[in-house]
Amino acid sequence: MKALFPTVTLILCFLHAVLKIQKSCRRTPEILKSLTGMLWAAYKQPNKTRFQKSLRKLRKWTKKNVTSPELRQKVFKVCRNVSKFKVAYAFPESYRTSNAVDRFWF
């Protein structure tokens, strides 16, 4: 994308990060519900500071409540990528998930 459109700003898709996490915890519905709730609560934050704070809270909760190493790593990866997700807050009219972008409606 950058080669074709040098001035484009790429925004990491939060939806796909959530889907990867959900796929890893389908056998534990209580963890799935809690994680999904916290992830979407973070996504809905009005600014990047509160978004980042929500992800720190999610990381702390995950350390305490998630025992699966695979699932922990996926959550921690989202938390590590906070700077890539925060880019979207500089472009309030942009999509923060690729759902509307990668689905062509003809």
PDB file of N, CA and C in Angstrom:
ATOM      1  N   MET A   1       0.805  -1.190   0.000  1.00  0.00           N
ATOM      2  CA  MET A   1       0.000   0.000   0.000  1.00  0.00           C
ATOM      3  C   MET A   1       0.854   1.263   0.000  1.00  0.00           C
ATOM      4  N   LYS A   2       1.857   1.265   0.834  1.00  0.00           N
ATOM      5  CA  LYS A   2       2.721   2.445   0.929  1.00  0.00           C
ATOM      6  C   LYS A   2       3.432   2.722  -0.398  1.00  0.00           C
ATOM      7  N   ALA A   3       3.783   1.655  -1.130  1.00  0.00           N
ATOM      8  CA  ALA A   3       4.441   1.849  -2.426  1.00  0.00           C
ATOM      9  C   ALA A   3       3.484   2.471  -3.434  1.00  0.00           C
ATOM     10  N   LEU A   4       2.240   2.048  -3.410  1.00  0.00           N
ATOM     11  CA  LEU A   4       1.248   2.577  -4.337  1.00  0.00           C
ATOM     12  C   LEU A   4       0.744   3.958  -3.932  1.00  0.00           C
ATOM     13  N   PHE A   5       0.569   4.149  -2.642  1.00  0.00           N
ATOM     14  CA  PHE A   5       0.013   5.398  -2.120  1.00  0.00           C
ATOM     15  C   PHE A   5       0.917   5.920  -0.997  1.00  0.00           C
ATOM     16  N   PRO A   6       1.979   6.626  -1.347  1.00  0.00           N
ATOM     17  CA  PRO A   6       2.974   7.038  -0.350  1.00  0.00           C
ATOM     18  C   PRO A   6       2.424   7.889   0.805  1.00  0.00           C
ATOM     19  N   THR A   7       1.334   8.595   0.588  1.00  0.00           N
ATOM     20  CA  THR A   7       0.819   9.463   1.644  1.00  0.00           C
ATOM     21  C   THR A   7      -0.254   8.797   2.505  1.00  0.00           C
ATOM     22  N   VAL A   8      -0.551   7.535   2.229  1.00  0.00           N
ATOM     23  CA  VAL A   8      -1.591   6.834   2.987  1.00  0.00           C
ATOM     24  C   VAL A   8      -1.119   6.561   4.417  1.00  0.00           C
ATOM     25  N   THR A   9      -2.055   6.567   5.333  1.00  0.00           N
ATOM     26  CA  THR A   9      -1.777   6.172   6.711  1.00  0.00           C
ATOM     27  C   THR A   9      -2.469   4.840   6.943  1.00  0.00           C
ATOM     28  N   LEU A  10      -1.697   3.835   7.287  1.00  0.00           N
ATOM     29  CA  LEU A  10      -2.263   2.512   7.526  1.00  0.00           C
ATOM     30  C   LEU A  10      -2.707   2.398   8.980  1.00  0.00           C
ATOM     31  N   ILE A  11      -3.896   1.853   9.158  1.00  0.00           N
ATOM     32  CA  ILE A  11      -4.467   1.691  10.489  1.00  0.00           C
ATOM     33  C   ILE A  11      -4.701   0.202  10.717  1.00  0.00           C
ATOM     34  N   LEU A  12      -4.146  -0.300  11.797  1.00  0.00           N
ATOM     35  CA  LEU A  12      -4.287  -1.712  12.127  1.00  0.00           C
ATOM     36  C   LEU A  12      -5.745  -2.017  12.477  1.00  0.00           C
ATOM     37  N   CYS A  13      -6.264  -3.119  11.952  1.00  0.00           N
ATOM     38  CA  CYS A  13      -7.679  -3.477  12.134  1.00  0.00           C
ATOM     39  C   CYS A  13      -7.915  -4.118  13.502  1.00  0.00           C
ATOM     40  N   PHE A  14      -8.683  -3.446  14.321  1.00  0.00           N
ATOM     41  CA  PHE A  14      -8.984  -3.945  15.666  1.00  0.00           C
ATOM     42  C   PHE A  14      -9.912  -5.148  15.619  1.00  0.00           C
ATOM     43  N   LEU A  15     -10.830  -5.168  14.662  1.00  0.00           N
ATOM     44  CA  LEU A  15     -11.769  -6.286  14.524  1.00  0.00           C
ATOM     45  C   LEU A  15     -11.034  -7.609  14.357  1.00  0.00           C
ATOM     46  N   HIS A  16     -10.042  -7.644  13.484  1.00  0.00           N
ATOM     47  CA  HIS A  16      -9.334  -8.899  13.249  1.00  0.00           C
ATOM     48  C   HIS A  16      -8.532  -9.336  14.481  1.00  0.00           C
ATOM     49  N   ALA A  17      -8.034  -8.394  15.250  1.00  0.00           N
ATOM     50  CA  ALA A  17      -7.360  -8.739  16.503  1.00  0.00           C
ATOM     51  C   ALA A  17      -8.349  -9.388  17.473  1.00  0.00           C
ATOM     52  N   VAL A  18      -9.549  -8.824  17.560  1.00  0.00           N
ATOM     53  CA  VAL A  18     -10.580  -9.377  18.440  1.00  0.00           C
ATOM     54  C   VAL A  18     -10.981 -10.775  17.977  1.00  0.00           C
ATOM     55  N   LEU A  19     -11.162 -10.948  16.685  1.00  0.00           N
ATOM     56  CA  LEU A  19     -11.564 -12.257  16.148  1.00  0.00           C
ATOM     57  C   LEU A  19     -10.533 -13.338  16.447  1.00  0.00           C
ATOM     58  N   LYS A  20      -9.252 -13.000  16.351  1.00  0.00           N
ATOM     59  CA  LYS A  20      -8.196 -13.975  16.663  1.00  0.00           C
ATOM     60  C   LYS A  20      -8.255 -14.392  18.129  1.00  0.00           C
ATOM     61  N   ILE A  21      -8.509 -13.438  18.985  1.00  0.00           N
ATOM     62  CA  ILE A  21      -8.607 -13.744  20.412  1.00  0.00           C
ATOM     63  C   ILE A  21      -9.840 -14.604  20.680  1.00  0.00           C
ATOM     64  N   GLN A  22     -10.960 -14.235  20.089  1.00  0.00           N
ATOM     65  CA  GLN A  22     -12.193 -15.009  20.298  1.00  0.00           C
ATOM     66  C   GLN A  22     -12.037 -16.452  19.836  1.00  0.00           C
ATOM     67  N   LYS A  23     -11.350 -16.644  18.740  1.00  0.00           N
ATOM     68  CA  LYS A  23     -11.143 -17.992  18.204  1.00  0.00           C
ATOM     69  C   LYS A  23     -10.362 -18.866  19.191  1.00  0.00           C
ATOM     70  N   SER A  24      -9.499 -18.251  19.971  1.00  0.00           N
ATOM     71  CA  SER A  24      -8.663 -18.997  20.912  1.00  0.00           C
ATOM     72  C   SER A  24      -9.350 -19.321  22.230  1.00  0.00           C
ATOM     73  N   CYS A  25     -10.522 -18.733  22.485  1.00  0.00           N
ATOM     74  CA  CYS A  25     -11.130 -18.980  23.800  1.00  0.00           C
ATOM     75  C   CYS A  25     -12.592 -19.414  23.700  1.00  0.00           C
ATOM     76  N   ARG A  26     -12.931 -20.090  22.659  1.00  0.00           N
ATOM     77  CA  ARG A  26     -14.318 -20.542  22.492  1.00  0.00           C
ATOM     78  C   ARG A  26     -14.724 -21.617  23.504  1.00  0.00           C
ATOM     79  N   ARG A  27     -13.760 -22.336  24.033  1.00  0.00           N
ATOM     80  CA  ARG A  27     -14.072 -23.405  24.995  1.00  0.00           C
ATOM     81  C   ARG A  27     -14.305 -22.879  26.401  1.00  0.00           C
ATOM     82  N   THR A  28     -14.005 -21.626  26.608  1.00  0.00           N
ATOM     83  CA  THR A  28     -14.206 -21.014  27.926  1.00  0.00           C
ATOM     84  C   THR A  28     -15.118 -19.793  27.760  1.00  0.00           C
ATOM     85  N   PRO A  29     -16.430 -20.030  27.737  1.00  0.00           N
ATOM     86  CA  PRO A  29     -17.371 -18.943  27.442  1.00  0.00           C
ATOM     87  C   PRO A  29     -17.302 -17.759  28.414  1.00  0.00           C
ATOM     88  N   GLU A  30     -16.970 -18.011  29.666  1.00  0.00           N
ATOM     89  CA  GLU A  30     -16.895 -16.898  30.610  1.00  0.00           C
ATOM     90  C   GLU A  30     -15.704 -15.991  30.302  1.00  0.00           C
ATOM     91  N   ILE A  31     -14.583 -16.597  29.919  1.00  0.00           N
ATOM     92  CA  ILE A  31     -13.403 -15.818  29.527  1.00  0.00           C
ATOM     93  C   ILE A  31     -13.694 -15.092  28.210  1.00  0.00           C
ATOM     94  N   LEU A  32     -14.311 -15.801  27.277  1.00  0.00           N
ATOM     95  CA  LEU A  32     -14.673 -15.212  25.983  1.00  0.00           C
ATOM     96  C   LEU A  32     -15.532 -13.966  26.178  1.00  0.00           C
ATOM     97  N   LYS A  33     -16.550 -14.071  27.010  1.00  0.00           N
ATOM     98  CA  LYS A  33     -17.459 -12.944  27.245  1.00  0.00           C
ATOM     99  C   LYS A  33     -16.713 -11.768  27.886  1.00  0.00           C
ATOM    100  N   SER A  34     -15.901 -12.051  28.877  1.00  0.00           N
ATOM    101  CA  SER A  34     -15.164 -10.984  29.562  1.00  0.00           C
ATOM    102  C   SER A  34     -14.163 -10.300  28.640  1.00  0.00           C
ATOM    103  N   LEU A  35     -13.375 -11.115  27.933  1.00  0.00           N
ATOM    104  CA  LEU A  35     -12.375 -10.543  27.024  1.00  0.00           C
ATOM    105  C   LEU A  35     -13.022  -9.721  25.922  1.00  0.00           C
ATOM    106  N   THR A  36     -14.059 -10.284  25.314  1.00  0.00           N
ATOM    107  CA  THR A  36     -14.738  -9.567  24.233  1.00  0.00           C
ATOM    108  C   THR A  36     -15.307  -8.243  24.750  1.00  0.00           C
ATOM    109  N   GLY A  37     -15.907  -8.273  25.925  1.00  0.00           N
ATOM    110  CA  GLY A  37     -16.448  -7.050  26.504  1.00  0.00           C
ATOM    111  C   GLY A  37     -15.385  -5.989  26.738  1.00  0.00           C
ATOM    112  N   MET A  38     -14.250  -6.418  27.288  1.00  0.00           N
ATOM    113  CA  MET A  38     -13.176  -5.456  27.561  1.00  0.00           C
ATOM    114  C   MET A  38     -12.540  -4.937  26.279  1.00  0.00           C
ATOM    115  N   LEU A  39     -12.394  -5.818  25.284  1.00  0.00           N
ATOM    116  CA  LEU A  39     -11.818  -5.383  24.010  1.00  0.00           C
ATOM    117  C   LEU A  39     -12.704  -4.341  23.329  1.00  0.00           C
ATOM    118  N   TRP A  40     -14.003  -4.608  23.267  1.00  0.00           N
ATOM    119  CA  TRP A  40     -14.895  -3.641  22.617  1.00  0.00           C
ATOM    120  C   TRP A  40     -15.065  -2.386  23.460  1.00  0.00           C
ATOM    121  N   ALA A  41     -14.966  -2.495  24.768  1.00  0.00           N
ATOM    122  CA  ALA A  41     -15.003  -1.297  25.613  1.00  0.00           C
ATOM    123  C   ALA A  41     -13.779  -0.417  25.316  1.00  0.00           C
ATOM    124  N   ALA A  42     -12.634  -1.043  25.129  1.00  0.00           N
ATOM    125  CA  ALA A  42     -11.427  -0.288  24.770  1.00  0.00           C
ATOM    126  C   ALA A  42     -11.609   0.376  23.408  1.00  0.00           C
ATOM    127  N   TYR A  43     -12.128  -0.366  22.464  1.00  0.00           N
ATOM    128  CA  TYR A  43     -12.344   0.151  21.102  1.00  0.00           C
ATOM    129  C   TYR A  43     -13.245   1.385  21.109  1.00  0.00           C
ATOM    130  N   LYS A  44     -14.231   1.414  21.987  1.00  0.00           N
ATOM    131  CA  LYS A  44     -15.211   2.504  22.013  1.00  0.00           C
ATOM    132  C   LYS A  44     -14.730   3.738  22.780  1.00  0.00           C
ATOM    133  N   GLN A  45     -13.528   3.696  23.306  1.00  0.00           N
ATOM    134  CA  GLN A  45     -13.032   4.847  24.061  1.00  0.00           C
ATOM    135  C   GLN A  45     -12.935   6.082  23.161  1.00  0.00           C
ATOM    136  N   PRO A  46     -13.223   7.257  23.711  1.00  0.00           N
ATOM    137  CA  PRO A  46     -13.285   8.463  22.891  1.00  0.00           C
ATOM    138  C   PRO A  46     -11.945   9.047  22.477  1.00  0.00           C
ATOM    139  N   ASN A  47     -10.862   8.630  23.135  1.00  0.00           N
ATOM    140  CA  ASN A  47      -9.555   9.181  22.764  1.00  0.00           C
ATOM    141  C   ASN A  47      -8.468   8.142  23.015  1.00  0.00           C
ATOM    142  N   LYS A  48      -7.292   8.430  22.465  1.00  0.00           N
ATOM    143  CA  LYS A  48      -6.212   7.436  22.523  1.00  0.00           C
ATOM    144  C   LYS A  48      -5.681   7.206  23.937  1.00  0.00           C
ATOM    145  N   THR A  49      -5.764   8.212  24.790  1.00  0.00           N
ATOM    146  CA  THR A  49      -5.303   8.041  26.165  1.00  0.00           C
ATOM    147  C   THR A  49      -6.177   7.033  26.906  1.00  0.00           C
ATOM    148  N   ARG A  50      -7.473   7.183  26.774  1.00  0.00           N
ATOM    149  CA  ARG A  50      -8.382   6.252  27.449  1.00  0.00           C
ATOM    150  C   ARG A  50      -8.338   4.869  26.807  1.00  0.00           C
ATOM    151  N   PHE A  51      -8.123   4.823  25.497  1.00  0.00           N
ATOM    152  CA  PHE A  51      -7.947   3.541  24.794  1.00  0.00           C
ATOM    153  C   PHE A  51      -6.739   2.798  25.371  1.00  0.00           C
ATOM    154  N   GLN A  52      -5.628   3.511  25.483  1.00  0.00           N
ATOM    155  CA  GLN A  52      -4.410   2.904  26.010  1.00  0.00           C
ATOM    156  C   GLN A  52      -4.608   2.448  27.453  1.00  0.00           C
ATOM    157  N   LYS A  53      -5.290   3.243  28.249  1.00  0.00           N
ATOM    158  CA  LYS A  53      -5.559   2.876  29.639  1.00  0.00           C
ATOM    159  C   LYS A  53      -6.418   1.610  29.703  1.00  0.00           C
ATOM    160  N   SER A  54      -7.403   1.499  28.810  1.00  0.00           N
ATOM    161  CA  SER A  54      -8.254   0.300  28.767  1.00  0.00           C
ATOM    162  C   SER A  54      -7.444  -0.943  28.420  1.00  0.00           C
ATOM    163  N   LEU A  55      -6.488  -0.806  27.512  1.00  0.00           N
ATOM    164  CA  LEU A  55      -5.661  -1.965  27.152  1.00  0.00           C
ATOM    165  C   LEU A  55      -4.710  -2.350  28.289  1.00  0.00           C
ATOM    166  N   ARG A  56      -4.254  -1.371  29.044  1.00  0.00           N
ATOM    167  CA  ARG A  56      -3.431  -1.706  30.225  1.00  0.00           C
ATOM    168  C   ARG A  56      -4.258  -2.483  31.239  1.00  0.00           C
ATOM    169  N   LYS A  57      -5.504  -2.058  31.437  1.00  0.00           N
ATOM    170  CA  LYS A  57      -6.411  -2.758  32.349  1.00  0.00           C
ATOM    171  C   LYS A  57      -6.677  -4.179  31.845  1.00  0.00           C
ATOM    172  N   LEU A  58      -6.860  -4.334  30.530  1.00  0.00           N
ATOM    173  CA  LEU A  58      -7.072  -5.647  29.923  1.00  0.00           C
ATOM    174  C   LEU A  58      -5.859  -6.548  30.143  1.00  0.00           C
ATOM    175  N   ARG A  59      -4.671  -6.007  29.958  1.00  0.00           N
ATOM    176  CA  ARG A  59      -3.449  -6.793  30.162  1.00  0.00           C
ATOM    177  C   ARG A  59      -3.347  -7.278  31.606  1.00  0.00           C
ATOM    178  N   LYS A  60      -3.632  -6.395  32.534  1.00  0.00           N
ATOM    179  CA  LYS A  60      -3.578  -6.751  33.956  1.00  0.00           C
ATOM    180  C   LYS A  60      -4.614  -7.835  34.266  1.00  0.00           C
ATOM    181  N   TRP A  61      -5.830  -7.685  33.751  1.00  0.00           N
ATOM    182  CA  TRP A  61      -6.884  -8.678  33.959  1.00  0.00           C
ATOM    183  C   TRP A  61      -6.475 -10.028  33.364  1.00  0.00           C
ATOM    184  N   THR A  62      -5.883  -9.993  32.187  1.00  0.00           N
ATOM    185  CA  THR A  62      -5.454 -11.225  31.509  1.00  0.00           C
ATOM    186  C   THR A  62      -4.402 -11.964  32.328  1.00  0.00           C
ATOM    187  N   LYS A  63      -3.435 -11.239  32.859  1.00  0.00           N
ATOM    188  CA  LYS A  63      -2.410 -11.870  33.696  1.00  0.00           C
ATOM    189  C   LYS A  63      -3.024 -12.605  34.879  1.00  0.00           C
ATOM    190  N   LYS A  64      -4.063 -12.031  35.436  1.00  0.00           N
ATOM    191  CA  LYS A  64      -4.693 -12.601  36.628  1.00  0.00           C
ATOM    192  C   LYS A  64      -5.668 -13.733  36.300  1.00  0.00           C
ATOM    193  N   ASN A  65      -6.374 -13.664  35.161  1.00  0.00           N
ATOM    194  CA  ASN A  65      -7.506 -14.556  34.904  1.00  0.00           C
ATOM    195  C   ASN A  65      -7.347 -15.559  33.761  1.00  0.00           C
ATOM    196  N   VAL A  66      -6.389 -15.356  32.889  1.00  0.00           N
ATOM    197  CA  VAL A  66      -6.246 -16.246  31.730  1.00  0.00           C
ATOM    198  C   VAL A  66      -5.059 -17.182  31.955  1.00  0.00           C
ATOM    199  N   THR A  67      -5.325 -18.487  31.890  1.00  0.00           N
ATOM    200  CA  THR A  67      -4.258 -19.468  32.124  1.00  0.00           C
ATOM    201  C   THR A  67      -3.661 -20.013  30.837  1.00  0.00           C
ATOM    202  N   SER A  68      -4.386 -19.944  29.734  1.00  0.00           N
ATOM    203  CA  SER A  68      -3.896 -20.472  28.460  1.00  0.00           C
ATOM    204  C   SER A  68      -2.761 -19.591  27.921  1.00  0.00           C
ATOM    205  N   PRO A  69      -1.556 -20.179  27.748  1.00  0.00           N
ATOM    206  CA  PRO A  69      -0.434 -19.390  27.225  1.00  0.00           C
ATOM    207  C   PRO A  69      -0.712 -18.819  25.829  1.00  0.00           C
ATOM    208  N   GLU A  70      -1.382 -19.593  24.993  1.00  0.00           N
ATOM    209  CA  GLU A  70      -1.688 -19.136  23.629  1.00  0.00           C
ATOM    210  C   GLU A  70      -2.611 -17.918  23.662  1.00  0.00           C
ATOM    211  N   LEU A  71      -3.640 -17.986  24.464  1.00  0.00           N
ATOM    212  CA  LEU A  71      -4.595 -16.884  24.562  1.00  0.00           C
ATOM    213  C   LEU A  71      -3.941 -15.655  25.192  1.00  0.00           C
ATOM    214  N   ARG A  72      -3.155 -15.881  26.216  1.00  0.00           N
ATOM    215  CA  ARG A  72      -2.438 -14.763  26.856  1.00  0.00           C
ATOM    216  C   ARG A  72      -1.583 -14.022  25.835  1.00  0.00           C
ATOM    217  N   GLN A  73      -0.853 -14.791  25.033  1.00  0.00           N
ATOM    218  CA  GLN A  73       0.026 -14.162  24.038  1.00  0.00           C
ATOM    219  C   GLN A  73      -0.755 -13.334  23.029  1.00  0.00           C
ATOM    220  N   LYS A  74      -1.921 -13.806  22.638  1.00  0.00           N
ATOM    221  CA  LYS A  74      -2.737 -13.055  21.671  1.00  0.00           C
ATOM    222  C   LYS A  74      -3.237 -11.749  22.285  1.00  0.00           C
ATOM    223  N   VAL A  75      -3.649 -11.807  23.535  1.00  0.00           N
ATOM    224  CA  VAL A  75      -4.094 -10.578  24.208  1.00  0.00           C
ATOM    225  C   VAL A  75      -2.911  -9.630  24.381  1.00  0.00           C
ATOM    226  N   PHE A  76      -1.771 -10.158  24.805  1.00  0.00           N
ATOM    227  CA  PHE A  76      -0.590  -9.318  25.010  1.00  0.00           C
ATOM    228  C   PHE A  76      -0.130  -8.687  23.692  1.00  0.00           C
ATOM    229  N   LYS A  77      -0.320  -9.399  22.582  1.00  0.00           N
ATOM    230  CA  LYS A  77       0.058  -8.846  21.285  1.00  0.00           C
ATOM    231  C   LYS A  77      -0.801  -7.618  20.954  1.00  0.00           C
ATOM    232  N   VAL A  78      -2.092  -7.707  21.233  1.00  0.00           N
ATOM    233  CA  VAL A  78      -2.961  -6.546  21.029  1.00  0.00           C
ATOM    234  C   VAL A  78      -2.459  -5.385  21.888  1.00  0.00           C
ATOM    235  N   CYS A  79      -2.131  -5.677  23.129  1.00  0.00           N
ATOM    236  CA  CYS A  79      -1.652  -4.629  24.035  1.00  0.00           C
ATOM    237  C   CYS A  79      -0.325  -4.035  23.565  1.00  0.00           C
ATOM    238  N   ARG A  80       0.559  -4.869  23.034  1.00  0.00           N
ATOM    239  CA  ARG A  80       1.842  -4.378  22.513  1.00  0.00           C
ATOM    240  C   ARG A  80       1.650  -3.498  21.279  1.00  0.00           C
ATOM    241  N   ASN A  81       0.601  -3.762  20.512  1.00  0.00           N
ATOM    242  CA  ASN A  81       0.344  -3.001  19.287  1.00  0.00           C
ATOM    243  C   ASN A  81      -0.491  -1.749  19.529  1.00  0.00           C
ATOM    244  N   VAL A  82      -0.579  -1.319  20.758  1.00  0.00           N
ATOM    245  CA  VAL A  82      -1.405  -0.162  21.092  1.00  0.00           C
ATOM    246  C   VAL A  82      -1.035   1.056  20.238  1.00  0.00           C
ATOM    247  N   SER A  83       0.236   1.265  19.989  1.00  0.00           N
ATOM    248  CA  SER A  83       0.645   2.441  19.197  1.00  0.00           C
ATOM    249  C   SER A  83       0.124   2.355  17.762  1.00  0.00           C
ATOM    250  N   LYS A  84       0.024   1.149  17.225  1.00  0.00           N
ATOM    251  CA  LYS A  84      -0.506   0.980  15.865  1.00  0.00           C
ATOM    252  C   LYS A  84      -2.018   1.188  15.827  1.00  0.00           C
ATOM    253  N   PHE A  85      -2.704   0.798  16.873  1.00  0.00           N
ATOM    254  CA  PHE A  85      -4.152   1.014  16.941  1.00  0.00           C
ATOM    255  C   PHE A  85      -4.479   2.484  17.214  1.00  0.00           C
ATOM    256  N   LYS A  86      -3.633   3.159  17.999  1.00  0.00           N
ATOM    257  CA  LYS A  86      -3.884   4.552  18.373  1.00  0.00           C
ATOM    258  C   LYS A  86      -3.829   5.503  17.186  1.00  0.00           C
ATOM    259  N   VAL A  87      -3.188   5.110  16.115  1.00  0.00           N
ATOM    260  CA  VAL A  87      -3.093   5.961  14.923  1.00  0.00           C
ATOM    261  C   VAL A  87      -4.480   6.406  14.469  1.00  0.00           C
ATOM    262  N   ALA A  88      -5.457   5.543  14.598  1.00  0.00           N
ATOM    263  CA  ALA A  88      -6.814   5.843  14.141  1.00  0.00           C
ATOM    264  C   ALA A  88      -7.401   7.077  14.824  1.00  0.00           C
ATOM    265  N   TYR A  89      -6.992   7.366  16.040  1.00  0.00           N
ATOM    266  CA  TYR A  89      -7.547   8.514  16.759  1.00  0.00           C
ATOM    267  C   TYR A  89      -7.129   9.846  16.138  1.00  0.00           C
ATOM    268  N   ALA A  90      -6.077   9.836  15.330  1.00  0.00           N
ATOM    269  CA  ALA A  90      -5.669  11.053  14.618  1.00  0.00           C
ATOM    270  C   ALA A  90      -6.548  11.298  13.389  1.00  0.00           C
ATOM    271  N   PHE A  91      -7.339  10.290  13.033  1.00  0.00           N
ATOM    272  CA  PHE A  91      -8.218  10.370  11.866  1.00  0.00           C
ATOM    273  C   PHE A  91      -9.623   9.955  12.281  1.00  0.00           C
ATOM    274  N   PRO A  92     -10.340  10.835  12.961  1.00  0.00           N
ATOM    275  CA  PRO A  92     -11.631  10.449  13.536  1.00  0.00           C
ATOM    276  C   PRO A  92     -12.666   9.984  12.517  1.00  0.00           C
ATOM    277  N   GLU A  93     -12.526  10.349  11.262  1.00  0.00           N
ATOM    278  CA  GLU A  93     -13.486   9.920  10.247  1.00  0.00           C
ATOM    279  C   GLU A  93     -13.100   8.590   9.587  1.00  0.00           C
ATOM    280  N   SER A  94     -11.952   8.058   9.954  1.00  0.00           N
ATOM    281  CA  SER A  94     -11.482   6.817   9.329  1.00  0.00           C
ATOM    282  C   SER A  94     -12.144   5.597   9.947  1.00  0.00           C
ATOM    283  N   TYR A  95     -12.029   4.483   9.235  1.00  0.00           N
ATOM    284  CA  TYR A  95     -12.483   3.209   9.773  1.00  0.00           C
ATOM    285  C   TYR A  95     -11.404   2.654  10.674  1.00  0.00           C
ATOM    286  N   ARG A  96     -11.806   2.122  11.828  1.00  0.00           N
ATOM    287  CA  ARG A  96     -10.842   1.482  12.728  1.00  0.00           C
ATOM    288  C   ARG A  96     -10.890  -0.027  12.610  1.00  0.00           C
ATOM    289  N   THR A  97     -11.815  -0.520  11.810  1.00  0.00           N
ATOM    290  CA  THR A  97     -11.827  -1.933  11.461  1.00  0.00           C
ATOM    291  C   THR A  97     -11.893  -1.988   9.945  1.00  0.00           C
ATOM    292  N   SER A  98     -11.391  -3.053   9.367  1.00  0.00           N
ATOM    293  CA  SER A  98     -11.359  -3.150   7.909  1.00  0.00           C
ATOM    294  C   SER A  98     -12.640  -3.753   7.348  1.00  0.00           C
ATOM    295  N   ASN A  99     -13.603  -4.041   8.192  1.00  0.00           N
ATOM    296  CA  ASN A  99     -14.837  -4.680   7.742  1.00  0.00           C
ATOM    297  C   ASN A  99     -15.494  -3.915   6.593  1.00  0.00           C
ATOM    298  N   ALA A 100     -15.625  -2.617   6.731  1.00  0.00           N
ATOM    299  CA  ALA A 100     -16.267  -1.817   5.678  1.00  0.00           C
ATOM    300  C   ALA A 100     -15.342  -1.597   4.489  1.00  0.00           C
ATOM    301  N   VAL A 101     -14.064  -1.761   4.685  1.00  0.00           N
ATOM    302  CA  VAL A 101     -13.098  -1.514   3.625  1.00  0.00           C
ATOM    303  C   VAL A 101     -12.834  -2.761   2.786  1.00  0.00           C
ATOM    304  N   ASP A 102     -12.746  -3.923   3.420  1.00  0.00           N
ATOM    305  CA  ASP A 102     -12.368  -5.127   2.681  1.00  0.00           C
ATOM    306  C   ASP A 102     -13.550  -5.908   2.136  1.00  0.00           C
ATOM    307  N   ARG A 103     -14.750  -5.394   2.284  1.00  0.00           N
ATOM    308  CA  ARG A 103     -15.924  -6.037   1.724  1.00  0.00           C
ATOM    309  C   ARG A 103     -16.509  -5.135   0.640  1.00  0.00           C
ATOM    310  N   PHE A 104     -16.357  -5.547  -0.570  1.00  0.00           N
ATOM    311  CA  PHE A 104     -16.873  -4.747  -1.688  1.00  0.00           C
ATOM    312  C   PHE A 104     -18.331  -5.084  -1.936  1.00  0.00           C
ATOM    313  N   TRP A 105     -19.145  -4.090  -2.022  1.00  0.00           N
ATOM    314  CA  TRP A 105     -20.572  -4.251  -2.257  1.00  0.00           C
ATOM    315  C   TRP A 105     -20.877  -3.709  -3.641  1.00  0.00           C
ATOM    316  N   PHE A 106     -21.111  -4.590  -4.562  1.00  0.00           N
ATOM    317  CA  PHE A 106     -21.417  -4.164  -5.938  1.00  0.00           C
ATOM    318  C   PHE A 106     -22.887  -4.255  -6.213  1.00  0.00           C
TER     319      PHE A 106
END
